Amino acid sequence: MLRNTLIAVALSAVLSACTGGVALAGLSGPGPWFEFSWPYGNDTGGIIPYQPHIKPVEYRDMAASYCAHWGRLSHVTSVHARYGDYITFVCMDRRGVIH
């Protein structure tokens, strides 16, 4: 009887840990529950998913903070103001010099 109870407790602990891990993994990626979309890219530039509620100045700030990780400046190259499209940017070492 005690052995069956211990097995049931261990099994329920493992299942609840797995369920919590799956729920946490679902919330850690990009999605509609976050306030802003984050840039995707590398040290030469990237993209930001367009969202109508974000102002154009905020896109420039997001690109600047993203390129600052590599000690570079940013320049927004194109803005397609349609839902589902992207804002693209490049990271530069100096003004006018793109890698």
PDB file of N, CA and C in Angstrom:
ATOM      1  N   MET A   1       0.825  -1.194   0.000  1.00  0.00           N
ATOM      2  CA  MET A   1       0.000   0.000   0.000  1.00  0.00           C
ATOM      3  C   MET A   1       0.866   1.253   0.000  1.00  0.00           C
ATOM      4  N   LEU A   2       1.885   1.301   0.831  1.00  0.00           N
ATOM      5  CA  LEU A   2       2.770   2.463   0.904  1.00  0.00           C
ATOM      6  C   LEU A   2       3.561   2.611  -0.386  1.00  0.00           C
ATOM      7  N   ARG A   3       3.943   1.471  -0.960  1.00  0.00           N
ATOM      8  CA  ARG A   3       4.706   1.508  -2.215  1.00  0.00           C
ATOM      9  C   ARG A   3       3.853   2.101  -3.341  1.00  0.00           C
ATOM     10  N   ASN A   4       2.595   1.736  -3.442  1.00  0.00           N
ATOM     11  CA  ASN A   4       1.693   2.281  -4.463  1.00  0.00           C
ATOM     12  C   ASN A   4       1.496   3.783  -4.275  1.00  0.00           C
ATOM     13  N   THR A   5       1.396   4.224  -3.041  1.00  0.00           N
ATOM     14  CA  THR A   5       1.239   5.652  -2.758  1.00  0.00           C
ATOM     15  C   THR A   5       2.477   6.424  -3.175  1.00  0.00           C
ATOM     16  N   LEU A   6       3.659   5.910  -2.870  1.00  0.00           N
ATOM     17  CA  LEU A   6       4.903   6.584  -3.254  1.00  0.00           C
ATOM     18  C   LEU A   6       5.055   6.643  -4.778  1.00  0.00           C
ATOM     19  N   ILE A   7       4.687   5.603  -5.461  1.00  0.00           N
ATOM     20  CA  ILE A   7       4.756   5.595  -6.928  1.00  0.00           C
ATOM     21  C   ILE A   7       3.785   6.630  -7.499  1.00  0.00           C
ATOM     22  N   ALA A   8       2.593   6.715  -6.951  1.00  0.00           N
ATOM     23  CA  ALA A   8       1.605   7.683  -7.428  1.00  0.00           C
ATOM     24  C   ALA A   8       2.080   9.114  -7.187  1.00  0.00           C
ATOM     25  N   VAL A   9       2.679   9.374  -6.026  1.00  0.00           N
ATOM     26  CA  VAL A   9       3.194  10.714  -5.714  1.00  0.00           C
ATOM     27  C   VAL A   9       4.349  11.061  -6.652  1.00  0.00           C
ATOM     28  N   ALA A  10       5.260  10.132  -6.886  1.00  0.00           N
ATOM     29  CA  ALA A  10       6.391  10.385  -7.775  1.00  0.00           C
ATOM     30  C   ALA A  10       5.916  10.623  -9.206  1.00  0.00           C
ATOM     31  N   LEU A  11       4.958   9.845  -9.656  1.00  0.00           N
ATOM     32  CA  LEU A  11       4.435  10.010 -11.000  1.00  0.00           C
ATOM     33  C   LEU A  11       3.731  11.357 -11.165  1.00  0.00           C
ATOM     34  N   SER A  12       2.951  11.760 -10.180  1.00  0.00           N
ATOM     35  CA  SER A  12       2.264  13.055 -10.271  1.00  0.00           C
ATOM     36  C   SER A  12       3.271  14.215 -10.225  1.00  0.00           C
ATOM     37  N   ALA A  13       4.360  14.070  -9.465  1.00  0.00           N
ATOM     38  CA  ALA A  13       5.383  15.117  -9.431  1.00  0.00           C
ATOM     39  C   ALA A  13       6.080  15.262 -10.777  1.00  0.00           C
ATOM     40  N   VAL A  14       6.379  14.136 -11.412  1.00  0.00           N
ATOM     41  CA  VAL A  14       7.028  14.181 -12.729  1.00  0.00           C
ATOM     42  C   VAL A  14       6.090  14.786 -13.766  1.00  0.00           C
ATOM     43  N   LEU A  15       4.830  14.398 -13.765  1.00  0.00           N
ATOM     44  CA  LEU A  15       3.869  14.929 -14.729  1.00  0.00           C
ATOM     45  C   LEU A  15       3.635  16.418 -14.537  1.00  0.00           C
ATOM     46  N   SER A  16       3.554  16.877 -13.299  1.00  0.00           N
ATOM     47  CA  SER A  16       3.345  18.308 -13.075  1.00  0.00           C
ATOM     48  C   SER A  16       4.586  19.114 -13.472  1.00  0.00           C
ATOM     49  N   ALA A  17       5.777  18.571 -13.273  1.00  0.00           N
ATOM     50  CA  ALA A  17       6.994  19.264 -13.695  1.00  0.00           C
ATOM     51  C   ALA A  17       7.057  19.356 -15.218  1.00  0.00           C
ATOM     52  N   CYS A  18       6.677  18.294 -15.910  1.00  0.00           N
ATOM     53  CA  CYS A  18       6.673  18.314 -17.382  1.00  0.00           C
ATOM     54  C   CYS A  18       5.638  19.299 -17.912  1.00  0.00           C
ATOM     55  N   THR A  19       4.462  19.305 -17.316  1.00  0.00           N
ATOM     56  CA  THR A  19       3.409  20.222 -17.750  1.00  0.00           C
ATOM     57  C   THR A  19       3.823  21.672 -17.519  1.00  0.00           C
ATOM     58  N   GLY A  20       4.447  21.947 -16.402  1.00  0.00           N
ATOM     59  CA  GLY A  20       4.931  23.308 -16.122  1.00  0.00           C
ATOM     60  C   GLY A  20       6.028  23.725 -17.082  1.00  0.00           C
ATOM     61  N   GLY A  21       6.899  22.804 -17.450  1.00  0.00           N
ATOM     62  CA  GLY A  21       7.962  23.116 -18.395  1.00  0.00           C
ATOM     63  C   GLY A  21       7.432  23.433 -19.775  1.00  0.00           C
ATOM     64  N   VAL A  22       6.423  22.704 -20.218  1.00  0.00           N
ATOM     65  CA  VAL A  22       5.820  22.954 -21.520  1.00  0.00           C
ATOM     66  C   VAL A  22       5.111  24.311 -21.518  1.00  0.00           C
ATOM     67  N   ALA A  23       4.413  24.612 -20.438  1.00  0.00           N
ATOM     68  CA  ALA A  23       3.726  25.907 -20.353  1.00  0.00           C
ATOM     69  C   ALA A  23       4.725  27.049 -20.340  1.00  0.00           C
ATOM     70  N   LEU A  24       5.820  26.911 -19.626  1.00  0.00           N
ATOM     71  CA  LEU A  24       6.840  27.957 -19.575  1.00  0.00           C
ATOM     72  C   LEU A  24       7.520  28.121 -20.923  1.00  0.00           C
ATOM     73  N   ALA A  25       7.772  27.041 -21.628  1.00  0.00           N
ATOM     74  CA  ALA A  25       8.395  27.122 -22.952  1.00  0.00           C
ATOM     75  C   ALA A  25       7.469  27.826 -23.938  1.00  0.00           C
ATOM     76  N   GLY A  26       6.189  27.642 -23.813  1.00  0.00           N
ATOM     77  CA  GLY A  26       5.242  28.319 -24.690  1.00  0.00           C
ATOM     78  C   GLY A  26       5.190  29.813 -24.453  1.00  0.00           C
ATOM     79  N   LEU A  27       5.441  30.249 -23.239  1.00  0.00           N
ATOM     80  CA  LEU A  27       5.405  31.678 -22.926  1.00  0.00           C
ATOM     81  C   LEU A  27       6.737  32.378 -23.143  1.00  0.00           C
ATOM     82  N   SER A  28       7.809  31.652 -23.361  1.00  0.00           N
ATOM     83  CA  SER A  28       9.113  32.296 -23.470  1.00  0.00           C
ATOM     84  C   SER A  28       9.409  32.813 -24.873  1.00  0.00           C
ATOM     85  N   GLY A  29       8.716  32.327 -25.890  1.00  0.00           N
ATOM     86  CA  GLY A  29       8.958  32.776 -27.257  1.00  0.00           C
ATOM     87  C   GLY A  29       8.153  34.016 -27.586  1.00  0.00           C
ATOM     88  N   PRO A  30       8.338  34.559 -28.795  1.00  0.00           N
ATOM     89  CA  PRO A  30       7.566  35.726 -29.182  1.00  0.00           C
ATOM     90  C   PRO A  30       6.099  35.371 -29.367  1.00  0.00           C
ATOM     91  N   GLY A  31       5.249  36.298 -29.079  1.00  0.00           N
ATOM     92  CA  GLY A  31       3.832  36.037 -29.221  1.00  0.00           C
ATOM     93  C   GLY A  31       3.017  37.268 -28.902  1.00  0.00           C
ATOM     94  N   PRO A  32       1.717  37.188 -29.018  1.00  0.00           N
ATOM     95  CA  PRO A  32       0.861  38.359 -28.830  1.00  0.00           C
ATOM     96  C   PRO A  32       0.780  38.831 -27.385  1.00  0.00           C
ATOM     97  N   TRP A  33       1.277  38.045 -26.422  1.00  0.00           N
ATOM     98  CA  TRP A  33       1.172  38.437 -25.024  1.00  0.00           C
ATOM     99  C   TRP A  33       2.295  39.373 -24.607  1.00  0.00           C
ATOM    100  N   PHE A  34       3.283  39.605 -25.477  1.00  0.00           N
ATOM    101  CA  PHE A  34       4.340  40.548 -25.161  1.00  0.00           C
ATOM    102  C   PHE A  34       3.980  41.911 -25.737  1.00  0.00           C
ATOM    103  N   GLU A  35       4.485  42.968 -25.112  1.00  0.00           N
ATOM    104  CA  GLU A  35       4.144  44.317 -25.546  1.00  0.00           C
ATOM    105  C   GLU A  35       4.777  44.646 -26.895  1.00  0.00           C
ATOM    106  N   PHE A  36       6.037  44.264 -27.107  1.00  0.00           N
ATOM    107  CA  PHE A  36       6.746  44.590 -28.341  1.00  0.00           C
ATOM    108  C   PHE A  36       7.284  43.333 -29.002  1.00  0.00           C
ATOM    109  N   SER A  37       7.467  43.413 -30.310  1.00  0.00           N
ATOM    110  CA  SER A  37       8.197  42.377 -31.023  1.00  0.00           C
ATOM    111  C   SER A  37       9.673  42.698 -30.894  1.00  0.00           C
ATOM    112  N   TRP A  38      10.505  41.690 -30.843  1.00  0.00           N
ATOM    113  CA  TRP A  38      11.938  41.913 -30.707  1.00  0.00           C
ATOM    114  C   TRP A  38      12.624  41.659 -32.030  1.00  0.00           C
ATOM    115  N   PRO A  39      13.732  42.355 -32.280  1.00  0.00           N
ATOM    116  CA  PRO A  39      14.463  42.168 -33.541  1.00  0.00           C
ATOM    117  C   PRO A  39      15.067  40.771 -33.651  1.00  0.00           C
ATOM    118  N   TYR A  40      15.147  40.289 -34.874  1.00  0.00           N
ATOM    119  CA  TYR A  40      15.807  39.025 -35.189  1.00  0.00           C
ATOM    120  C   TYR A  40      16.924  39.338 -36.167  1.00  0.00           C
ATOM    121  N   GLY A  41      18.099  38.771 -35.970  1.00  0.00           N
ATOM    122  CA  GLY A  41      19.190  39.013 -36.911  1.00  0.00           C
ATOM    123  C   GLY A  41      20.528  38.606 -36.337  1.00  0.00           C
ATOM    124  N   ASN A  42      21.573  39.271 -36.834  1.00  0.00           N
ATOM    125  CA  ASN A  42      22.921  39.001 -36.357  1.00  0.00           C
ATOM    126  C   ASN A  42      23.684  40.325 -36.272  1.00  0.00           C
ATOM    127  N   ASP A  43      25.030  40.277 -36.281  1.00  0.00           N
ATOM    128  CA  ASP A  43      25.803  41.495 -36.086  1.00  0.00           C
ATOM    129  C   ASP A  43      25.813  42.421 -37.299  1.00  0.00           C
ATOM    130  N   THR A  44      25.273  42.000 -38.433  1.00  0.00           N
ATOM    131  CA  THR A  44      25.241  42.861 -39.614  1.00  0.00           C
ATOM    132  C   THR A  44      23.882  43.522 -39.814  1.00  0.00           C
ATOM    133  N   GLY A  45      22.862  43.105 -39.097  1.00  0.00           N
ATOM    134  CA  GLY A  45      21.543  43.715 -39.219  1.00  0.00           C
ATOM    135  C   GLY A  45      20.455  42.728 -38.879  1.00  0.00           C
ATOM    136  N   GLY A  46      19.209  43.103 -39.203  1.00  0.00           N
ATOM    137  CA  GLY A  46      18.116  42.203 -38.889  1.00  0.00           C
ATOM    138  C   GLY A  46      16.772  42.761 -39.290  1.00  0.00           C
ATOM    139  N   ILE A  47      15.720  42.154 -38.753  1.00  0.00           N
ATOM    140  CA  ILE A  47      14.352  42.538 -39.045  1.00  0.00           C
ATOM    141  C   ILE A  47      13.562  42.672 -37.751  1.00  0.00           C
ATOM    142  N   ILE A  48      12.519  43.491 -37.814  1.00  0.00           N
ATOM    143  CA  ILE A  48      11.588  43.650 -36.703  1.00  0.00           C
ATOM    144  C   ILE A  48      10.191  43.468 -37.287  1.00  0.00           C
ATOM    145  N   PRO A  49       9.386  42.556 -36.771  1.00  0.00           N
ATOM    146  CA  PRO A  49       8.020  42.407 -37.286  1.00  0.00           C
ATOM    147  C   PRO A  49       7.214  43.689 -37.072  1.00  0.00           C
ATOM    148  N   TYR A  50       6.511  44.131 -38.112  1.00  0.00           N
ATOM    149  CA  TYR A  50       5.718  45.358 -38.026  1.00  0.00           C
ATOM    150  C   TYR A  50       4.474  45.124 -37.185  1.00  0.00           C
ATOM    151  N   GLN A  51       4.202  46.089 -36.307  1.00  0.00           N
ATOM    152  CA  GLN A  51       2.966  46.084 -35.532  1.00  0.00           C
ATOM    153  C   GLN A  51       2.428  47.507 -35.525  1.00  0.00           C
ATOM    154  N   PRO A  52       1.152  47.705 -35.815  1.00  0.00           N
ATOM    155  CA  PRO A  52       0.604  49.049 -35.963  1.00  0.00           C
ATOM    156  C   PRO A  52       0.678  49.911 -34.695  1.00  0.00           C
ATOM    157  N   HIS A  53       0.680  49.297 -33.528  1.00  0.00           N
ATOM    158  CA  HIS A  53       0.665  50.095 -32.300  1.00  0.00           C
ATOM    159  C   HIS A  53       2.045  50.616 -31.904  1.00  0.00           C
ATOM    160  N   ILE A  54       3.102  50.230 -32.608  1.00  0.00           N
ATOM    161  CA  ILE A  54       4.449  50.709 -32.297  1.00  0.00           C
ATOM    162  C   ILE A  54       4.761  51.904 -33.188  1.00  0.00           C
ATOM    163  N   LYS A  55       5.261  52.988 -32.579  1.00  0.00           N
ATOM    164  CA  LYS A  55       5.577  54.205 -33.323  1.00  0.00           C
ATOM    165  C   LYS A  55       6.888  54.027 -34.088  1.00  0.00           C
ATOM    166  N   PRO A  56       7.070  54.750 -35.210  1.00  0.00           N
ATOM    167  CA  PRO A  56       8.311  54.643 -35.996  1.00  0.00           C
ATOM    168  C   PRO A  56       9.570  54.961 -35.195  1.00  0.00           C
ATOM    169  N   VAL A  57       9.481  55.875 -34.251  1.00  0.00           N
ATOM    170  CA  VAL A  57      10.651  56.211 -33.431  1.00  0.00           C
ATOM    171  C   VAL A  57      11.063  55.019 -32.571  1.00  0.00           C
ATOM    172  N   GLU A  58      10.108  54.247 -32.115  1.00  0.00           N
ATOM    173  CA  GLU A  58      10.416  53.078 -31.289  1.00  0.00           C
ATOM    174  C   GLU A  58      11.135  52.007 -32.092  1.00  0.00           C
ATOM    175  N   TYR A  59      10.825  51.887 -33.386  1.00  0.00           N
ATOM    176  CA  TYR A  59      11.547  50.934 -34.227  1.00  0.00           C
ATOM    177  C   TYR A  59      13.029  51.318 -34.316  1.00  0.00           C
ATOM    178  N   ARG A  60      13.292  52.618 -34.477  1.00  0.00           N
ATOM    179  CA  ARG A  60      14.688  53.065 -34.525  1.00  0.00           C
ATOM    180  C   ARG A  60      15.399  52.791 -33.209  1.00  0.00           C
ATOM    181  N   ASP A  61      14.709  52.999 -32.099  1.00  0.00           N
ATOM    182  CA  ASP A  61      15.299  52.718 -30.788  1.00  0.00           C
ATOM    183  C   ASP A  61      15.566  51.225 -30.603  1.00  0.00           C
ATOM    184  N   MET A  62      14.647  50.384 -31.081  1.00  0.00           N
ATOM    185  CA  MET A  62      14.837  48.941 -30.967  1.00  0.00           C
ATOM    186  C   MET A  62      16.034  48.488 -31.795  1.00  0.00           C
ATOM    187  N   ALA A  63      16.177  49.033 -33.015  1.00  0.00           N
ATOM    188  CA  ALA A  63      17.321  48.685 -33.860  1.00  0.00           C
ATOM    189  C   ALA A  63      18.617  49.180 -33.236  1.00  0.00           C
ATOM    190  N   ALA A  64      18.592  50.377 -32.656  1.00  0.00           N
ATOM    191  CA  ALA A  64      19.797  50.924 -32.029  1.00  0.00           C
ATOM    192  C   ALA A  64      20.227  50.087 -30.832  1.00  0.00           C
ATOM    193  N   SER A  65      19.286  49.666 -30.005  1.00  0.00           N
ATOM    194  CA  SER A  65      19.661  48.849 -28.848  1.00  0.00           C
ATOM    195  C   SER A  65      20.136  47.465 -29.280  1.00  0.00           C
ATOM    196  N   TYR A  66      19.576  46.941 -30.387  1.00  0.00           N
ATOM    197  CA  TYR A  66      20.008  45.639 -30.883  1.00  0.00           C
ATOM    198  C   TYR A  66      21.440  45.705 -31.406  1.00  0.00           C
ATOM    199  N   CYS A  67      21.770  46.723 -32.189  1.00  0.00           N
ATOM    200  CA  CYS A  67      23.123  46.858 -32.744  1.00  0.00           C
ATOM    201  C   CYS A  67      24.138  47.248 -31.672  1.00  0.00           C
ATOM    202  N   ALA A  68      23.680  47.866 -30.604  1.00  0.00           N
ATOM    203  CA  ALA A  68      24.594  48.254 -29.528  1.00  0.00           C
ATOM    204  C   ALA A  68      25.211  47.044 -28.835  1.00  0.00           C
ATOM    205  N   HIS A  69      24.594  45.875 -28.956  1.00  0.00           N
ATOM    206  CA  HIS A  69      25.184  44.663 -28.372  1.00  0.00           C
ATOM    207  C   HIS A  69      26.552  44.363 -28.966  1.00  0.00           C
ATOM    208  N   TRP A  70      26.754  44.774 -30.221  1.00  0.00           N
ATOM    209  CA  TRP A  70      28.040  44.564 -30.887  1.00  0.00           C
ATOM    210  C   TRP A  70      28.852  45.852 -30.985  1.00  0.00           C
ATOM    211  N   GLY A  71      28.424  46.903 -30.301  1.00  0.00           N
ATOM    212  CA  GLY A  71      29.141  48.170 -30.325  1.00  0.00           C
ATOM    213  C   GLY A  71      29.042  48.862 -31.677  1.00  0.00           C
ATOM    214  N   ARG A  72      27.895  48.759 -32.322  1.00  0.00           N
ATOM    215  CA  ARG A  72      27.719  49.339 -33.648  1.00  0.00           C
ATOM    216  C   ARG A  72      26.545  50.302 -33.674  1.00  0.00           C
ATOM    217  N   LEU A  73      26.500  51.102 -34.724  1.00  0.00           N
ATOM    218  CA  LEU A  73      25.393  52.012 -34.973  1.00  0.00           C
ATOM    219  C   LEU A  73      24.358  51.291 -35.822  1.00  0.00           C
ATOM    220  N   SER A  74      23.143  51.824 -35.866  1.00  0.00           N
ATOM    221  CA  SER A  74      22.097  51.185 -36.653  1.00  0.00           C
ATOM    222  C   SER A  74      21.539  52.165 -37.676  1.00  0.00           C
ATOM    223  N   HIS A  75      20.975  51.611 -38.738  1.00  0.00           N
ATOM    224  CA  HIS A  75      20.311  52.403 -39.765  1.00  0.00           C
ATOM    225  C   HIS A  75      19.123  51.597 -40.283  1.00  0.00           C
ATOM    226  N   VAL A  76      17.924  52.169 -40.166  1.00  0.00           N
ATOM    227  CA  VAL A  76      16.720  51.505 -40.662  1.00  0.00           C
ATOM    228  C   VAL A  76      16.696  51.666 -42.178  1.00  0.00           C
ATOM    229  N   THR A  77      16.633  50.555 -42.905  1.00  0.00           N
ATOM    230  CA  THR A  77      16.715  50.612 -44.364  1.00  0.00           C
ATOM    231  C   THR A  77      15.359  50.571 -45.057  1.00  0.00           C
ATOM    232  N   SER A  78      14.381  49.887 -44.510  1.00  0.00           N
ATOM    233  CA  SER A  78      13.066  49.877 -45.144  1.00  0.00           C
ATOM    234  C   SER A  78      11.977  49.665 -44.103  1.00  0.00           C
ATOM    235  N   VAL A  79      10.860  50.329 -44.348  1.00  0.00           N
ATOM    236  CA  VAL A  79       9.694  50.199 -43.484  1.00  0.00           C
ATOM    237  C   VAL A  79       8.504  49.879 -44.371  1.00  0.00           C
ATOM    238  N   HIS A  80       7.940  48.718 -44.206  1.00  0.00           N
ATOM    239  CA  HIS A  80       6.712  48.342 -44.900  1.00  0.00           C
ATOM    240  C   HIS A  80       5.607  48.369 -43.861  1.00  0.00           C
ATOM    241  N   ALA A  81       4.809  49.413 -43.900  1.00  0.00           N
ATOM    242  CA  ALA A  81       3.787  49.623 -42.872  1.00  0.00           C
ATOM    243  C   ALA A  81       2.523  48.819 -43.181  1.00  0.00           C
ATOM    244  N   ARG A  82       2.683  47.501 -43.237  1.00  0.00           N
ATOM    245  CA  ARG A  82       1.566  46.582 -43.412  1.00  0.00           C
ATOM    246  C   ARG A  82       1.692  45.484 -42.373  1.00  0.00           C
ATOM    247  N   TYR A  83       0.587  45.109 -41.800  1.00  0.00           N
ATOM    248  CA  TYR A  83       0.607  44.060 -40.795  1.00  0.00           C
ATOM    249  C   TYR A  83       1.128  42.762 -41.411  1.00  0.00           C
ATOM    250  N   GLY A  84       2.084  42.129 -40.750  1.00  0.00           N
ATOM    251  CA  GLY A  84       2.688  40.901 -41.241  1.00  0.00           C
ATOM    252  C   GLY A  84       3.969  41.134 -42.005  1.00  0.00           C
ATOM    253  N   ASP A  85       4.325  42.395 -42.251  1.00  0.00           N
ATOM    254  CA  ASP A  85       5.566  42.710 -42.953  1.00  0.00           C
ATOM    255  C   ASP A  85       6.642  43.069 -41.939  1.00  0.00           C
ATOM    256  N   TYR A  86       7.818  43.499 -42.422  1.00  0.00           N
ATOM    257  CA  TYR A  86       8.956  43.713 -41.547  1.00  0.00           C
ATOM    258  C   TYR A  86       9.601  45.075 -41.753  1.00  0.00           C
ATOM    259  N   ILE A  87      10.247  45.554 -40.708  1.00  0.00           N
ATOM    260  CA  ILE A  87      11.137  46.711 -40.764  1.00  0.00           C
ATOM    261  C   ILE A  87      12.543  46.137 -40.768  1.00  0.00           C
ATOM    262  N   THR A  88      13.363  46.502 -41.751  1.00  0.00           N
ATOM    263  CA  THR A  88      14.726  45.974 -41.818  1.00  0.00           C
ATOM    264  C   THR A  88      15.720  47.050 -41.425  1.00  0.00           C
ATOM    265  N   PHE A  89      16.842  46.617 -40.863  1.00  0.00           N
ATOM    266  CA  PHE A  89      17.886  47.547 -40.453  1.00  0.00           C
ATOM    267  C   PHE A  89      19.242  46.887 -40.625  1.00  0.00           C
ATOM    268  N   VAL A  90      20.279  47.721 -40.703  1.00  0.00           N
ATOM    269  CA  VAL A  90      21.656  47.241 -40.787  1.00  0.00           C
ATOM    270  C   VAL A  90      22.437  47.807 -39.612  1.00  0.00           C
ATOM    271  N   CYS A  91      23.472  47.088 -39.206  1.00  0.00           N
ATOM    272  CA  CYS A  91      24.380  47.550 -38.156  1.00  0.00           C
ATOM    273  C   CYS A  91      25.691  47.978 -38.820  1.00  0.00           C
ATOM    274  N   MET A  92      26.184  49.163 -38.447  1.00  0.00           N
ATOM    275  CA  MET A  92      27.377  49.732 -39.077  1.00  0.00           C
ATOM    276  C   MET A  92      28.448  49.999 -38.019  1.00  0.00           C
ATOM    277  N   ASP A  93      29.726  49.921 -38.435  1.00  0.00           N
ATOM    278  CA  ASP A  93      30.820  50.303 -37.541  1.00  0.00           C
ATOM    279  C   ASP A  93      30.898  51.817 -37.408  1.00  0.00           C
ATOM    280  N   ARG A  94      30.860  52.507 -38.548  1.00  0.00           N
ATOM    281  CA  ARG A  94      30.859  53.970 -38.583  1.00  0.00           C
ATOM    282  C   ARG A  94      29.765  54.424 -39.525  1.00  0.00           C
ATOM    283  N   ARG A  95      29.434  55.687 -39.495  1.00  0.00           N
ATOM    284  CA  ARG A  95      28.388  56.204 -40.373  1.00  0.00           C
ATOM    285  C   ARG A  95      28.751  55.952 -41.829  1.00  0.00           C
ATOM    286  N   GLY A  96      27.832  55.330 -42.567  1.00  0.00           N
ATOM    287  CA  GLY A  96      28.013  55.086 -43.981  1.00  0.00           C
ATOM    288  C   GLY A  96      28.834  53.846 -44.320  1.00  0.00           C
ATOM    289  N   VAL A  97      29.416  53.168 -43.336  1.00  0.00           N
ATOM    290  CA  VAL A  97      30.219  51.973 -43.599  1.00  0.00           C
ATOM    291  C   VAL A  97      29.443  50.753 -43.095  1.00  0.00           C
ATOM    292  N   ILE A  98      28.921  49.974 -44.034  1.00  0.00           N
ATOM    293  CA  ILE A  98      28.146  48.785 -43.700  1.00  0.00           C
ATOM    294  C   ILE A  98      29.020  47.576 -43.883  1.00  0.00           C
ATOM    295  N   HIS A  99      28.966  46.640 -42.971  1.00  0.00           N
ATOM    296  CA  HIS A  99      29.754  45.395 -43.111  1.00  0.00           C
ATOM    297  C   HIS A  99      29.256  44.555 -44.229  1.00  0.00           C
TER     298      HIS A  99
END
